[in-house]
Amino acid sequence: MEALDGNAIAGTLMAVFGHEMTTETGTCANCGTRCVVAEFGVYLRGPGIVARCRTCDSVVMVFVEVREIMCVDLRGLAALDPA
C-alpha cells in the first residue's frame, strides 16, 4: 500500500481539531523527528486512518470512526505544536 501525504487527511483534521492542522509541527515519540503534519505518511485503506513518521515508520496518529464518533489516538506524538 502506498502512503499519501498528510494533506490527504486535511478534512478529517479540520473536523476533529476545528482548524487547519497540516501546517502544525508534530514530533515523533519514537525517534524525535519534527516535521509538519503534511509530511506524515498517511494510509487510508484500513478500518481507520493511520499516519506514520516518514523517518522511523512509527504510528503517530490514528483516526477511527465508530458509530458516528471519531476516535483519535495521538500516543505516537511527543508534541503537536502550532505553525
Protein backbone atom coordinates (compact mmCIF):
# COMPACT_ATOMS: atom_id res chain seq x y z
CA MET A 1 0.00 0.00 0.00
CA GLU A 2 1.42 3.37 -0.99
CA ALA A 3 1.43 6.21 1.52
CA LEU A 4 -0.17 9.56 0.79
CA ASP A 5 1.00 12.72 2.49
CA GLY A 6 -0.73 14.39 5.44
CA ASN A 7 -2.70 16.69 3.13
CA ALA A 8 -4.91 13.67 2.36
CA ILE A 9 -6.44 13.96 5.84
CA ALA A 10 -6.81 17.75 5.96
CA GLY A 11 -10.61 17.46 6.12
CA THR A 12 -10.52 14.89 8.91
CA LEU A 13 -8.07 17.01 10.89
CA MET A 14 -10.28 20.08 10.41
CA ALA A 15 -13.34 18.14 11.62
CA VAL A 16 -11.51 16.85 14.72
CA PHE A 17 -9.45 19.90 15.72
CA GLY A 18 -11.54 22.73 14.25
CA HIS A 19 -8.72 24.46 12.37
CA GLU A 20 -6.02 23.88 9.75
CA MET A 21 -3.62 21.24 11.10
CA THR A 22 -1.43 20.25 8.14
CA THR A 23 0.98 23.09 8.91
CA GLU A 24 1.32 22.18 12.61
CA THR A 25 4.61 20.59 13.67
CA GLY A 26 4.46 17.06 15.06
CA THR A 27 7.25 15.36 16.99
CA CYS A 28 7.50 11.57 16.72
CA ALA A 29 7.52 9.99 20.18
CA ASN A 30 9.71 7.15 18.90
CA CYS A 31 12.58 8.87 17.07
CA GLY A 32 12.10 12.57 17.86
CA THR A 33 11.80 13.69 14.24
CA ARG A 34 9.97 17.01 13.91
CA CYS A 35 8.02 17.77 10.73
CA VAL A 36 4.78 19.36 9.63
CA VAL A 37 1.73 17.10 9.69
CA ALA A 38 1.52 17.39 5.88
CA GLU A 39 4.75 15.36 5.69
CA PHE A 40 3.47 12.33 7.61
CA GLY A 41 2.88 9.16 5.61
CA VAL A 42 -0.88 8.52 5.58
CA TYR A 43 -2.67 5.24 4.90
CA LEU A 44 -6.41 5.37 4.22
CA ARG A 45 -7.16 1.78 3.21
CA GLY A 46 -7.88 0.17 6.56
CA PRO A 47 -10.59 0.22 9.16
CA GLY A 48 -9.33 3.70 10.01
CA ILE A 49 -6.76 6.32 9.01
CA VAL A 50 -3.14 5.82 10.08
CA ALA A 51 -0.42 8.48 9.93
CA ARG A 52 3.20 7.36 10.26
CA CYS A 53 6.54 9.05 10.79
CA ARG A 54 8.46 9.14 7.49
CA THR A 55 11.77 8.61 9.32
CA CYS A 56 11.11 5.56 11.52
CA ASP A 57 7.67 4.43 10.23
CA SER A 58 6.13 4.53 13.73
CA VAL A 59 2.41 5.22 14.01
CA VAL A 60 1.91 8.81 15.15
CA MET A 61 -1.85 9.32 14.63
CA VAL A 62 -4.86 7.01 14.25
CA PHE A 63 -8.43 8.05 13.41
CA VAL A 64 -11.29 5.54 13.51
CA GLU A 65 -14.98 6.39 13.21
CA VAL A 66 -17.21 4.15 15.32
CA ARG A 67 -20.97 4.69 15.31
CA GLU A 68 -20.56 8.27 14.07
CA ILE A 69 -17.98 9.08 16.77
CA MET A 70 -14.43 9.87 15.69
CA CYS A 71 -11.91 8.14 17.96
CA VAL A 72 -8.45 9.71 17.90
CA ASP A 73 -5.17 8.20 19.15
CA LEU A 74 -2.20 10.57 19.29
CA ARG A 75 0.06 8.44 21.52
CA GLY A 76 2.70 8.34 18.82
CA LEU A 77 3.25 12.09 19.07
CA ALA A 78 5.55 13.55 21.72
CA ALA A 79 4.29 17.04 20.78
CA LEU A 80 1.99 18.81 18.35
CA ASP A 81 2.97 22.48 18.05
CA PRO A 82 1.20 25.32 16.24
CA ALA A 83 2.65 26.61 12.97
